[in-house]
Protein backbone atom coordinates (compact mmCIF):
# COMPACT_ATOMS: atom_id res chain seq x y z
CA MET A 1 0.00 0.00 0.00
CA GLU A 2 2.86 2.35 0.84
CA LYS A 3 4.48 1.73 -2.54
CA PHE A 4 1.19 2.48 -4.29
CA LYS A 5 0.88 5.81 -2.46
CA LYS A 6 4.33 6.80 -3.69
CA GLU A 7 3.24 6.05 -7.26
CA ILE A 8 0.13 8.24 -7.10
CA PRO A 9 1.90 11.49 -8.25
CA PHE A 10 3.45 9.69 -11.24
CA ILE A 11 0.14 8.06 -12.20
CA ALA A 12 -1.71 11.39 -11.85
CA VAL A 13 0.76 13.18 -14.11
CA ALA A 14 0.62 10.36 -16.70
CA LEU A 15 -3.20 10.59 -16.78
CA LEU A 16 -3.35 14.36 -17.37
CA PRO A 17 -3.27 14.09 -21.21
CA PHE A 18 -6.11 11.53 -21.10
CA VAL A 19 -8.18 13.96 -19.02
CA TYR A 20 -7.47 16.75 -21.50
CA LEU A 21 -8.35 14.48 -24.43
CA ALA A 22 -11.67 13.57 -22.77
CA TYR A 23 -12.38 17.29 -22.36
CA ILE A 24 -11.84 18.10 -26.06
CA TRP A 25 -13.06 14.78 -27.49
CA LYS A 26 -16.48 15.97 -28.66
CA SER A 27 -14.99 18.99 -30.39
CA LEU A 28 -12.65 16.84 -32.46
CA PRO A 29 -13.69 15.64 -35.93
CA GLU A 30 -13.38 11.96 -36.77
CA SER A 31 -10.30 12.70 -38.91
CA VAL A 32 -7.58 14.73 -37.19
CA PRO A 33 -4.01 15.86 -38.06
CA MET A 34 -1.48 13.22 -37.06
CA HIS A 35 1.76 14.40 -38.65
CA TRP A 36 3.44 17.60 -39.81
CA ASN A 37 6.25 17.85 -42.37
CA GLY A 38 9.45 19.85 -42.10
CA ALA A 39 7.67 22.97 -43.32
CA GLY A 40 5.13 22.71 -40.52
CA GLU A 41 2.33 21.63 -42.89
CA ILE A 42 -0.08 18.81 -42.06
CA ASP A 43 0.80 15.83 -44.27
CA ARG A 44 -1.22 13.03 -42.65
CA TYR A 45 -4.65 12.71 -41.10
CA GLY A 46 -5.89 9.79 -39.04
CA ASP A 47 -8.78 8.57 -36.95
CA LYS A 48 -9.02 10.43 -33.66
CA ASN A 49 -8.86 7.10 -31.81
CA GLU A 50 -5.18 7.04 -32.76
CA LEU A 51 -4.68 9.85 -30.24
CA LEU A 52 -5.28 7.36 -27.42
CA LEU A 53 -2.40 5.22 -28.66
CA MET A 54 -0.18 8.28 -29.10
CA ILE A 55 -0.78 9.38 -25.51
CA PHE A 56 -0.17 5.89 -24.15
CA MET A 57 3.12 5.65 -26.04
CA LEU A 58 4.28 9.00 -24.63
CA THR A 59 3.12 8.74 -21.02
CA GLY A 60 2.06 5.16 -20.33
CA ILE A 61 5.04 3.30 -21.73
CA SER A 62 7.55 5.72 -20.20
CA TYR A 63 5.83 5.33 -16.82
CA PHE A 64 5.97 1.53 -16.88
CA ILE A 65 9.58 1.47 -18.11
CA PHE A 66 10.84 3.65 -15.25
CA LEU A 67 8.71 1.69 -12.79
CA ILE A 68 10.33 -1.61 -13.78
CA ILE A 69 13.97 -0.88 -14.59
CA PRO A 70 15.18 -0.28 -10.99
CA TYR A 71 14.16 -3.85 -10.17
CA ILE A 72 15.80 -5.49 -13.18
CA ASP A 73 19.03 -3.49 -13.08
CA PRO A 74 21.75 -6.17 -12.56
CA LYS A 75 24.01 -3.72 -10.73
CA GLN A 76 21.19 -2.45 -8.47
CA LYS A 77 22.62 1.06 -8.80
CA LEU A 78 19.32 2.69 -9.78
CA GLN A 79 17.62 1.63 -6.55
CA ASN A 80 20.46 3.23 -4.61
CA MET A 81 19.77 6.60 -6.26
CA GLY A 82 16.68 7.03 -4.06
CA ASN A 83 15.02 10.44 -4.41
CA LYS A 84 17.29 11.39 -7.31
CA LEU A 85 15.71 8.68 -9.44
CA ASN A 86 12.20 9.69 -8.32
CA ASN A 87 12.92 13.32 -9.19
CA LEU A 88 14.13 12.23 -12.63
CA ARG A 89 11.01 10.10 -13.11
CA LEU A 90 8.73 12.99 -12.13
CA ILE A 91 10.43 15.48 -14.46
CA LEU A 92 10.25 13.02 -17.35
CA ALA A 93 6.59 12.27 -16.59
CA LEU A 94 5.79 16.01 -16.53
CA PHE A 95 7.62 16.51 -19.81
CA MET A 96 5.86 13.62 -21.57
CA SER A 97 2.47 14.81 -20.35
CA ALA A 98 3.17 18.41 -21.37
CA LEU A 99 4.32 17.23 -24.80
CA ALA A 100 1.20 15.08 -25.24
CA ILE A 101 -1.10 17.93 -24.19
CA TYR A 102 0.64 20.33 -26.57
CA ILE A 103 0.27 17.86 -29.45
CA LEU A 104 -3.42 17.42 -28.61
CA TYR A 105 -3.85 21.19 -28.59
CA SER A 106 -2.15 21.42 -31.99
CA VAL A 107 -4.43 18.67 -33.30
CA GLN A 108 -7.50 20.48 -32.00
CA GLN A 109 -6.46 23.75 -33.65
CA LYS A 110 -5.69 22.03 -36.98
CA THR A 111 -3.86 25.05 -38.37
CA SER A 112 -1.58 25.27 -35.36
CA ASN A 113 2.01 24.57 -36.27
CA PRO A 114 3.63 22.58 -33.41
CA VAL A 115 6.79 24.71 -33.44
CA LEU A 116 7.35 24.27 -29.71
CA ILE A 117 8.00 20.52 -29.87
CA PHE A 118 11.72 20.88 -30.65
CA PRO A 119 12.29 23.61 -28.00
CA LEU A 120 10.47 21.44 -25.44
CA VAL A 121 12.72 18.49 -26.28
CA GLY A 122 15.71 20.84 -26.04
CA LEU A 123 14.73 21.85 -22.50
CA LEU A 124 14.46 18.17 -21.61
CA PHE A 125 17.96 17.52 -23.00
CA ALA A 126 19.29 20.48 -20.99
CA PHE A 127 17.71 19.09 -17.83
CA LEU A 128 19.07 15.59 -18.46
CA GLY A 129 22.53 17.01 -19.13
CA ASN A 130 22.45 18.82 -15.81
CA TYR A 131 21.39 15.52 -14.19
CA PHE A 132 24.01 13.27 -15.83
CA LYS A 133 26.65 13.65 -13.14
CA THR A 134 24.29 12.13 -10.53
CA ILE A 135 23.56 8.94 -12.51
CA LYS A 136 25.34 5.84 -11.27
CA PRO A 137 26.69 3.24 -13.74
CA ASN A 138 23.80 1.10 -14.98
CA TYR A 139 22.51 -0.59 -18.14
CA PHE A 140 19.39 1.56 -18.67
CA ILE A 141 19.90 5.30 -18.08
CA GLY A 142 22.78 7.48 -19.25
CA ILE A 143 25.52 7.28 -21.87
CA LYS A 144 25.87 3.52 -22.19
CA THR A 145 28.83 2.50 -24.33
CA PRO A 146 31.08 -0.58 -23.99
CA TRP A 147 33.71 1.69 -22.44
CA THR A 148 31.56 3.52 -19.88
CA LEU A 149 30.06 0.20 -18.75
CA GLU A 150 33.50 -1.36 -18.48
CA ASN A 151 35.14 1.32 -16.34
CA GLU A 152 33.49 3.48 -13.67
CA ASP A 153 36.01 6.31 -14.11
CA VAL A 154 35.21 6.45 -17.82
CA TRP A 155 31.50 6.52 -16.92
CA LYS A 156 32.01 9.48 -14.56
CA LYS A 157 34.23 11.49 -16.93
CA THR A 158 31.98 10.84 -19.92
CA HIS A 159 28.86 11.90 -18.02
CA VAL A 160 30.49 15.08 -16.71
CA MET A 161 31.58 16.06 -20.23
CA GLY A 162 28.42 14.76 -21.89
CA GLY A 163 26.26 16.49 -19.31
CA LYS A 164 27.76 19.88 -20.15
CA LEU A 165 27.38 19.16 -23.86
CA TRP A 166 23.74 18.11 -23.49
CA PHE A 167 22.98 21.18 -21.34
CA VAL A 168 24.41 23.61 -23.89
CA GLY A 169 22.94 21.67 -26.82
CA GLY A 170 19.53 21.57 -25.16
CA LEU A 171 19.52 25.33 -24.61
CA LEU A 172 20.46 25.87 -28.25
CA MET A 173 17.58 23.60 -29.28
CA ALA A 174 15.23 25.59 -27.06
CA MET A 175 16.09 28.74 -28.99
CA THR A 176 15.27 27.23 -32.40
CA PHE A 177 11.63 28.36 -32.19
CA VAL A 178 12.72 31.65 -33.80
CA LEU A 179 14.00 29.83 -36.92
CA PRO A 180 12.00 28.93 -40.04
CA ASN A 181 10.53 25.43 -39.84
CA LYS A 182 12.94 23.59 -42.15
CA ILE A 183 16.00 25.25 -40.63
CA GLN A 184 14.62 24.43 -37.17
CA VAL A 185 14.36 20.74 -38.08
CA TYR A 186 17.86 20.56 -39.56
CA THR A 187 19.36 22.48 -36.63
CA PHE A 188 17.66 20.14 -34.17
CA LEU A 189 18.92 17.05 -36.01
CA GLY A 190 22.44 18.48 -36.23
CA ILE A 191 22.63 19.30 -32.52
CA THR A 192 21.20 15.88 -31.66
CA ALA A 193 23.90 14.19 -33.76
CA VAL A 194 26.67 16.18 -32.05
CA ILE A 195 25.52 15.56 -28.46
CA THR A 196 25.05 11.86 -29.26
CA ILE A 197 28.25 11.09 -31.17
CA VAL A 198 30.79 13.23 -29.26
CA PRO A 199 30.27 11.51 -25.84
CA ILE A 200 30.55 8.08 -27.51
CA VAL A 201 33.87 8.99 -29.13
CA TYR A 202 35.05 10.67 -25.93
CA SER A 203 34.33 7.54 -23.86
CA TYR A 204 36.40 5.43 -26.26
CA PHE A 205 39.45 7.69 -26.04
CA GLU A 206 39.14 8.01 -22.26
CA PHE A 207 39.03 4.23 -21.94
CA LYS A 208 42.09 3.85 -24.16
CA LYS A 209 43.92 6.52 -22.14
CA ILE A 210 43.19 4.78 -18.83
CA LYS A 211 44.06 1.37 -20.24
CA ASN A 212 47.41 2.62 -21.55
CA GLN A 213 48.24 4.14 -18.18
């Protein structure tokens, strides 16, 4: 019972988009926008029932994943993170719910161009980058390469460097809302590639450096 009480805030946050969808359901036509192209134009419509699946994939699946992984982590490091892990879970749940609600709002408006999706993701990346240095070595969360998982010092150094990179990259993403749609998309993809590839390469060279010493 105590464990269930602790889960109530996470469940409540995950259900917020479903509540919002129920509120706007009758105002939605049977066919609603489901995808926008790089220019911000609607290029696919679908049945409004698809929105239920979209919300579940954003909030439901992420909730269940973070509920389960601390118990299947072979190193048991995630359980030792305590409140830090719960804070991370809550922030991610809030982000997923906010993203789902914003998408639903864009769907309802039809002509609304969801330009804030990339900046929202950028703010999430910035938050995660600021959080990286607190993550213990594990197989589920963080920059998981063969070299960070092999050596704890490489894990720490990679997450300190990668955290700074993700923080700066996330803030740059957040500022892309002032750019034209196509440039916004390409800028987002470029920044994502940099903050993904650089920490991987860095972890390899750090591992080689430590091994040679």
